[in-house]
Amino acid sequence: MRYLRSGLRTFSALPWPALLLAAILTACAITVIPLALMLFAIFLAIKYAVLAINSDKTTPLED
């Protein structure tokens, strides 16, 4: 609770342009981080699916 009050005091002391910038940066972080994680998971799943499909094929060994 003490940290919350301290953070609120810090934000209330900010001028309006800095507060607006902090709000925009926070909104971007909340939006971009889950999107990046989801894209990573999707591409990883695609990679594993392609590997699973192609793993049963045998390639001839070079002698």
N, C-alpha and C. Protein backbone atom coordinates (compact mmCIF):
# COMPACT_ATOMS: atom_id res chain seq x y z
N MET A 1 0.83 -1.19 0.00
CA MET A 1 0.00 0.00 0.00
C MET A 1 0.87 1.25 0.00
N ARG A 2 2.00 1.16 0.70
CA ARG A 2 2.90 2.31 0.78
C ARG A 2 3.48 2.63 -0.60
N TYR A 3 3.80 1.56 -1.37
CA TYR A 3 4.37 1.76 -2.70
C TYR A 3 3.34 2.37 -3.64
N LEU A 4 2.08 1.98 -3.49
CA LEU A 4 1.02 2.53 -4.32
C LEU A 4 0.86 4.02 -4.05
N ARG A 5 0.85 4.40 -2.79
CA ARG A 5 0.74 5.82 -2.45
C ARG A 5 1.93 6.61 -2.96
N SER A 6 3.11 6.03 -2.84
CA SER A 6 4.31 6.70 -3.33
C SER A 6 4.25 6.88 -4.84
N GLY A 7 3.79 5.85 -5.54
CA GLY A 7 3.66 5.95 -6.99
C GLY A 7 2.62 6.97 -7.40
N LEU A 8 1.50 7.01 -6.68
CA LEU A 8 0.47 8.00 -6.98
C LEU A 8 0.97 9.42 -6.72
N ARG A 9 1.75 9.60 -5.65
CA ARG A 9 2.33 10.92 -5.38
C ARG A 9 3.28 11.34 -6.50
N THR A 10 4.05 10.37 -6.98
CA THR A 10 4.99 10.67 -8.07
C THR A 10 4.23 11.07 -9.33
N PHE A 11 3.17 10.33 -9.66
CA PHE A 11 2.40 10.67 -10.86
C PHE A 11 1.66 11.99 -10.70
N SER A 12 1.20 12.30 -9.52
CA SER A 12 0.48 13.56 -9.33
C SER A 12 1.42 14.76 -9.41
N ALA A 13 2.71 14.54 -9.18
CA ALA A 13 3.67 15.64 -9.27
C ALA A 13 4.14 15.89 -10.70
N LEU A 14 3.83 14.97 -11.61
CA LEU A 14 4.28 15.13 -13.00
C LEU A 14 3.47 16.22 -13.71
N PRO A 15 4.11 16.96 -14.60
CA PRO A 15 3.35 17.90 -15.43
C PRO A 15 2.50 17.13 -16.45
N TRP A 16 1.49 17.79 -17.01
CA TRP A 16 0.56 17.12 -17.91
C TRP A 16 1.22 16.47 -19.12
N PRO A 17 2.17 17.12 -19.80
CA PRO A 17 2.79 16.44 -20.95
C PRO A 17 3.55 15.17 -20.57
N ALA A 18 4.24 15.20 -19.44
CA ALA A 18 4.96 14.00 -18.99
C ALA A 18 3.98 12.91 -18.58
N LEU A 19 2.88 13.28 -17.97
CA LEU A 19 1.86 12.31 -17.59
C LEU A 19 1.22 11.67 -18.82
N LEU A 20 0.98 12.48 -19.85
CA LEU A 20 0.43 11.96 -21.10
C LEU A 20 1.41 10.99 -21.75
N LEU A 21 2.68 11.34 -21.76
CA LEU A 21 3.70 10.46 -22.33
C LEU A 21 3.79 9.15 -21.55
N ALA A 22 3.74 9.23 -20.24
CA ALA A 22 3.78 8.02 -19.41
C ALA A 22 2.57 7.13 -19.68
N ALA A 23 1.41 7.74 -19.86
CA ALA A 23 0.20 6.96 -20.14
C ALA A 23 0.29 6.29 -21.51
N ILE A 24 0.80 7.00 -22.50
CA ILE A 24 0.94 6.43 -23.84
C ILE A 24 1.95 5.30 -23.84
N LEU A 25 3.08 5.48 -23.16
CA LEU A 25 4.09 4.43 -23.10
C LEU A 25 3.58 3.19 -22.37
N THR A 26 2.82 3.41 -21.31
CA THR A 26 2.24 2.28 -20.58
C THR A 26 1.23 1.53 -21.44
N ALA A 27 0.40 2.27 -22.18
CA ALA A 27 -0.57 1.62 -23.07
C ALA A 27 0.13 0.84 -24.17
N CYS A 28 1.20 1.39 -24.72
CA CYS A 28 1.95 0.68 -25.76
C CYS A 28 2.58 -0.59 -25.21
N ALA A 29 3.12 -0.52 -24.01
CA ALA A 29 3.74 -1.70 -23.40
C ALA A 29 2.70 -2.78 -23.13
N ILE A 30 1.53 -2.37 -22.66
CA ILE A 30 0.46 -3.33 -22.38
C ILE A 30 -0.04 -3.98 -23.66
N THR A 31 0.03 -3.25 -24.78
CA THR A 31 -0.44 -3.77 -26.06
C THR A 31 0.61 -4.61 -26.76
N VAL A 32 1.85 -4.15 -26.79
CA VAL A 32 2.89 -4.77 -27.60
C VAL A 32 3.43 -6.05 -26.98
N ILE A 33 3.62 -6.09 -25.69
CA ILE A 33 4.23 -7.26 -25.05
C ILE A 33 3.37 -8.53 -25.24
N PRO A 34 2.07 -8.51 -24.98
CA PRO A 34 1.28 -9.73 -25.24
C PRO A 34 1.23 -10.09 -26.73
N LEU A 35 1.22 -9.08 -27.60
CA LEU A 35 1.22 -9.36 -29.03
C LEU A 35 2.50 -10.06 -29.45
N ALA A 36 3.63 -9.60 -28.95
CA ALA A 36 4.91 -10.23 -29.28
C ALA A 36 4.96 -11.66 -28.75
N LEU A 37 4.49 -11.88 -27.55
CA LEU A 37 4.48 -13.24 -26.99
C LEU A 37 3.56 -14.17 -27.78
N MET A 38 2.42 -13.66 -28.21
CA MET A 38 1.49 -14.48 -28.98
C MET A 38 2.07 -14.83 -30.34
N LEU A 39 2.70 -13.87 -31.01
CA LEU A 39 3.33 -14.15 -32.30
C LEU A 39 4.46 -15.16 -32.14
N PHE A 40 5.24 -15.05 -31.08
CA PHE A 40 6.30 -16.01 -30.82
C PHE A 40 5.72 -17.41 -30.66
N ALA A 41 4.65 -17.53 -29.89
CA ALA A 41 4.04 -18.84 -29.67
C ALA A 41 3.47 -19.41 -30.97
N ILE A 42 2.86 -18.57 -31.79
CA ILE A 42 2.29 -19.04 -33.06
C ILE A 42 3.39 -19.55 -33.98
N PHE A 43 4.46 -18.77 -34.14
CA PHE A 43 5.53 -19.19 -35.03
C PHE A 43 6.26 -20.43 -34.50
N LEU A 44 6.37 -20.55 -33.19
CA LEU A 44 6.98 -21.74 -32.61
C LEU A 44 6.11 -22.97 -32.88
N ALA A 45 4.80 -22.82 -32.76
CA ALA A 45 3.89 -23.93 -33.05
C ALA A 45 3.95 -24.32 -34.52
N ILE A 46 4.05 -23.33 -35.41
CA ILE A 46 4.18 -23.62 -36.85
C ILE A 46 5.48 -24.37 -37.12
N LYS A 47 6.55 -23.93 -36.48
CA LYS A 47 7.84 -24.60 -36.66
C LYS A 47 7.77 -26.05 -36.23
N TYR A 48 7.18 -26.31 -35.06
CA TYR A 48 7.06 -27.69 -34.58
C TYR A 48 6.15 -28.52 -35.47
N ALA A 49 5.10 -27.91 -36.01
CA ALA A 49 4.21 -28.65 -36.91
C ALA A 49 4.94 -29.04 -38.19
N VAL A 50 5.72 -28.12 -38.75
CA VAL A 50 6.49 -28.43 -39.96
C VAL A 50 7.53 -29.49 -39.67
N LEU A 51 8.19 -29.40 -38.53
CA LEU A 51 9.17 -30.43 -38.17
C LEU A 51 8.52 -31.79 -37.97
N ALA A 52 7.33 -31.82 -37.39
CA ALA A 52 6.63 -33.08 -37.17
C ALA A 52 6.19 -33.71 -38.49
N ILE A 53 5.79 -32.89 -39.44
CA ILE A 53 5.37 -33.40 -40.74
C ILE A 53 6.56 -33.95 -41.52
N ASN A 54 7.68 -33.25 -41.46
CA ASN A 54 8.84 -33.64 -42.25
C ASN A 54 9.77 -34.62 -41.55
N SER A 55 9.52 -34.97 -40.32
CA SER A 55 10.46 -35.82 -39.60
C SER A 55 10.36 -37.29 -40.00
N ASP A 56 9.23 -37.72 -40.54
CA ASP A 56 9.08 -39.13 -40.89
C ASP A 56 9.74 -39.48 -42.22
N LYS A 57 10.10 -38.50 -42.99
CA LYS A 57 10.75 -38.76 -44.27
C LYS A 57 12.24 -39.03 -44.05
N THR A 58 12.72 -40.07 -44.68
CA THR A 58 14.14 -40.38 -44.55
C THR A 58 14.88 -39.81 -45.74
N THR A 59 16.02 -39.27 -45.48
CA THR A 59 16.85 -38.73 -46.56
C THR A 59 17.99 -39.70 -46.81
N PRO A 60 18.34 -39.89 -48.06
CA PRO A 60 19.45 -40.80 -48.35
C PRO A 60 20.77 -40.23 -47.83
N LEU A 61 21.58 -41.10 -47.29
CA LEU A 61 22.88 -40.69 -46.79
C LEU A 61 23.88 -40.65 -47.93
N GLU A 62 24.74 -39.66 -47.89
CA GLU A 62 25.78 -39.58 -48.90
C GLU A 62 26.94 -40.48 -48.50
N ASP A 63 27.41 -41.27 -49.43
CA ASP A 63 28.53 -42.18 -49.14
C ASP A 63 29.83 -41.60 -49.65
